[in-house]
C-alpha atoms as a PDB file:
ATOM      1  CA  MET A   1      28.816 -20.609   1.873  1.00  0.00           C
ATOM      2  CA  SER A   2      25.658 -18.381   1.201  1.00  0.00           C
ATOM      3  CA  GLY A   3      23.657 -20.902  -1.060  1.00  0.00           C
ATOM      4  CA  PHE A   4      22.951 -17.890  -3.452  1.00  0.00           C
ATOM      5  CA  ASP A   5      25.841 -16.630  -5.001  1.00  0.00           C
ATOM      6  CA  ASP A   6      29.904 -16.100  -4.324  1.00  0.00           C
ATOM      7  CA  GLY A   7      30.743 -12.718  -2.795  1.00  0.00           C
ATOM      8  CA  GLU A   8      27.219 -11.916  -1.696  1.00  0.00           C
ATOM      9  CA  GLU A   9      26.489 -10.578   1.666  1.00  0.00           C
ATOM     10  CA  GLU A  10      24.028 -12.655   3.737  1.00  0.00           C
ATOM     11  CA  TYR A  11      21.449 -12.637   6.573  1.00  0.00           C
ATOM     12  CA  ARG A  12      19.876 -15.542   8.126  1.00  0.00           C
ATOM     13  CA  GLY A  13      17.512 -15.182  11.079  1.00  0.00           C
ATOM     14  CA  MET A  14      14.244 -13.568  12.359  1.00  0.00           C
ATOM     15  CA  VAL A  15      12.816 -10.921  10.552  1.00  0.00           C
ATOM     16  CA  THR A  16       9.590  -8.797  10.778  1.00  0.00           C
ATOM     17  CA  VAL A  17       7.572  -8.337   7.905  1.00  0.00           C
ATOM     18  CA  LEU A  18       5.538  -5.372   7.702  1.00  0.00           C
ATOM     19  CA  LEU A  19       2.568  -4.853   5.160  1.00  0.00           C
ATOM     20  CA  PRO A  20       1.726  -1.593   3.529  1.00  0.00           C
ATOM     21  CA  GLU A  21       0.487   1.540   5.529  1.00  0.00           C
ATOM     22  CA  GLY A  22      -3.070   1.140   6.807  1.00  0.00           C
ATOM     23  CA  SER A  23      -2.571  -2.477   7.717  1.00  0.00           C
ATOM     24  CA  SER A  24      -1.685  -2.972  11.466  1.00  0.00           C
ATOM     25  CA  GLU A  25      -0.243  -6.538  10.648  1.00  0.00           C
ATOM     26  CA  ASP A  26       3.325  -7.519  10.699  1.00  0.00           C
ATOM     27  CA  PHE A  27       4.664 -11.074  10.939  1.00  0.00           C
ATOM     28  CA  GLU A  28       7.721 -12.598  12.691  1.00  0.00           C
ATOM     29  CA  VAL A  29       9.365 -15.055  10.378  1.00  0.00           C
ATOM     30  CA  GLN A  30      12.622 -16.802   9.510  1.00  0.00           C
ATOM     31  CA  ALA A  31      14.395 -15.541   6.594  1.00  0.00           C
ATOM     32  CA  HIS A  32      17.564 -16.276   4.210  1.00  0.00           C
ATOM     33  CA  LEU A  33      18.586 -13.209   2.564  1.00  0.00           C
ATOM     34  CA  ALA A  34      21.509 -12.261   0.327  1.00  0.00           C
ATOM     35  CA  GLY A  35      22.401  -9.463  -1.836  1.00  0.00           C
ATOM     36  CA  HIS A  36      25.145  -7.596  -3.957  1.00  0.00           C
ATOM     37  CA  PHE A  37      25.954  -4.359  -5.562  1.00  0.00           C
ATOM     38  CA  SER A  38      25.049  -4.201  -9.182  1.00  0.00           C
ATOM     39  CA  PRO A  39      27.477  -2.466 -11.376  1.00  0.00           C
ATOM     40  CA  LEU A  40      25.037  -2.374 -14.329  1.00  0.00           C
ATOM     41  CA  THR A  41      22.483  -0.620 -12.659  1.00  0.00           C
ATOM     42  CA  GLY A  42      24.441   1.084  -9.834  1.00  0.00           C
ATOM     43  CA  ASP A  43      22.227  -0.262  -7.096  1.00  0.00           C
ATOM     44  CA  TYR A  44      22.139  -2.917  -4.434  1.00  0.00           C
ATOM     45  CA  ARG A  45      20.003  -5.939  -5.232  1.00  0.00           C
ATOM     46  CA  TRP A  46      18.952  -8.428  -2.663  1.00  0.00           C
ATOM     47  CA  LYS A  47      16.857 -11.445  -2.731  1.00  0.00           C
ATOM     48  CA  GLY A  48      15.763 -14.410  -0.445  1.00  0.00           C
ATOM     49  CA  ARG A  49      13.169 -16.451   1.168  1.00  0.00           C
ATOM     50  CA  LEU A  50      10.863 -16.002   4.116  1.00  0.00           C
ATOM     51  CA  SER A  51       9.299 -19.137   5.824  1.00  0.00           C
ATOM     52  CA  ALA A  52       5.753 -20.103   5.813  1.00  0.00           C
ATOM     53  CA  GLU A  53       3.623 -17.556   7.518  1.00  0.00           C
ATOM     54  CA  PRO A  54      -0.257 -17.962   6.945  1.00  0.00           C
ATOM     55  CA  GLY A  55      -1.084 -14.164   7.370  1.00  0.00           C
ATOM     56  CA  ILE A  56       1.894 -13.385   4.811  1.00  0.00           C
ATOM     57  CA  THR A  57       0.114 -15.729   2.302  1.00  0.00           C
ATOM     58  CA  ARG A  58      -3.609 -14.073   3.213  1.00  0.00           C
ATOM     59  CA  ALA A  59      -1.967 -10.568   2.487  1.00  0.00           C
ATOM     60  CA  TYR A  60      -0.422 -11.899  -0.871  1.00  0.00           C
ATOM     61  CA  GLU A  61      -3.679 -13.346  -1.944  1.00  0.00           C
ATOM     62  CA  ARG A  62      -5.329  -9.899  -1.279  1.00  0.00           C
ATOM     63  CA  GLY A  63      -2.708  -8.448  -3.603  1.00  0.00           C
ATOM     64  CA  VAL A  64      -0.084  -7.161  -1.250  1.00  0.00           C
ATOM     65  CA  ARG A  65       3.302  -7.477  -3.285  1.00  0.00           C
ATOM     66  CA  THR A  66       5.270  -4.710  -1.550  1.00  0.00           C
ATOM     67  CA  VAL A  67       6.568  -5.124   2.213  1.00  0.00           C
ATOM     68  CA  ILE A  68       9.111  -3.843   4.318  1.00  0.00           C
ATOM     69  CA  VAL A  69      11.653  -6.543   5.730  1.00  0.00           C
ATOM     70  CA  ARG A  70      13.302  -5.340   9.161  1.00  0.00           C
ATOM     71  CA  THR A  71      15.988  -7.332  11.151  1.00  0.00           C
ATOM     72  CA  PRO A  72      16.177  -7.124  14.819  1.00  0.00           C
ATOM     73  CA  ASP A  73      19.227  -4.708  14.583  1.00  0.00           C
ATOM     74  CA  GLY A  74      16.926  -2.050  12.879  1.00  0.00           C
ATOM     75  CA  HIS A  75      18.053  -2.464   9.279  1.00  0.00           C
ATOM     76  CA  GLU A  76      15.456  -2.493   6.704  1.00  0.00           C
ATOM     77  CA  GLY A  77      14.207  -2.693   3.234  1.00  0.00           C
ATOM     78  CA  VAL A  78      11.388  -2.456   0.800  1.00  0.00           C
ATOM     79  CA  GLY A  79      10.893  -5.926  -0.912  1.00  0.00           C
ATOM     80  CA  THR A  80       8.407  -7.598  -3.390  1.00  0.00           C
ATOM     81  CA  LEU A  81       6.650 -10.790  -2.402  1.00  0.00           C
ATOM     82  CA  ASP A  82       6.534 -13.616  -5.209  1.00  0.00           C
ATOM     83  CA  THR A  83       4.275 -16.537  -5.349  1.00  0.00           C
ATOM     84  CA  PRO A  84       4.479 -19.140  -2.324  1.00  0.00           C
ATOM     85  CA  ASN A  85       6.948 -22.011  -2.763  1.00  0.00           C
ATOM     86  CA  LEU A  86       6.015 -25.781  -2.069  1.00  0.00           C
ATOM     87  CA  TRP A  87       6.646 -25.087   1.663  1.00  0.00           C
ATOM     88  CA  GLY A  88       4.287 -22.154   1.885  1.00  0.00           C
ATOM     89  CA  GLY A  89       7.059 -19.712   2.241  1.00  0.00           C
ATOM     90  CA  HIS A  90       7.383 -16.583   0.195  1.00  0.00           C
ATOM     91  CA  PRO A  91      10.398 -15.650  -2.151  1.00  0.00           C
ATOM     92  CA  VAL A  92      11.261 -11.685  -1.664  1.00  0.00           C
ATOM     93  CA  ASN A  93      13.505  -9.578  -3.460  1.00  0.00           C
ATOM     94  CA  GLY A  94      14.483  -5.668  -3.589  1.00  0.00           C
ATOM     95  CA  SER A  95      16.696  -3.040  -4.727  1.00  0.00           C
ATOM     96  CA  GLY A  96      18.099  -0.419  -2.746  1.00  0.00           C
ATOM     97  CA  THR A  97      18.822  -0.330   1.050  1.00  0.00           C
ATOM     98  CA  PRO A  98      18.730  -4.130   2.115  1.00  0.00           C
ATOM     99  CA  PRO A  99      17.350  -5.263   5.394  1.00  0.00           C
ATOM    100  CA  PHE A 100      20.984  -6.392   6.609  1.00  0.00           C
ATOM    101  CA  ALA A 101      24.240  -4.859   7.341  1.00  0.00           C
ATOM    102  CA  VAL A 102      26.483  -4.300   4.448  1.00  0.00           C
ATOM    103  CA  PRO A 103      30.347  -3.351   4.221  1.00  0.00           C
ATOM    104  CA  ARG A 104      30.729   0.433   3.941  1.00  0.00           C
ATOM    105  CA  ILE A 105      32.782   1.125   0.799  1.00  0.00           C
ATOM    106  CA  ASP A 106      34.239   4.643   0.320  1.00  0.00           C
ATOM    107  CA  LEU A 107      34.766   5.781  -3.338  1.00  0.00           C
ATOM    108  CA  ASP A 108      38.368   7.334  -3.776  1.00  0.00           C
ATOM    109  CA  ASP A 109      38.124  10.511  -5.951  1.00  0.00           C
END
């Protein structure tokens, strides 16, 4: 059970959150991410939450919204940070390539 929605792929574990180019900061945090293919838009949508990290909150307060989320196995996706939750963590969401492995689907002609 993912805790997000049935039929979604999911990842729980450590991720590296990289801030935009020009910043040398990156942060290791726990994450719970899940996603699914959206037939309406034709892309992959993913969302999740990052554990509390004061450095990410400081970056958010400076106006950083776009981050790269990378899992230890090298998968990465571009996500958007949202307002910190009650526990100091940040919701994050993205579309396109997710930061975790998903099953490969071959379409028949």
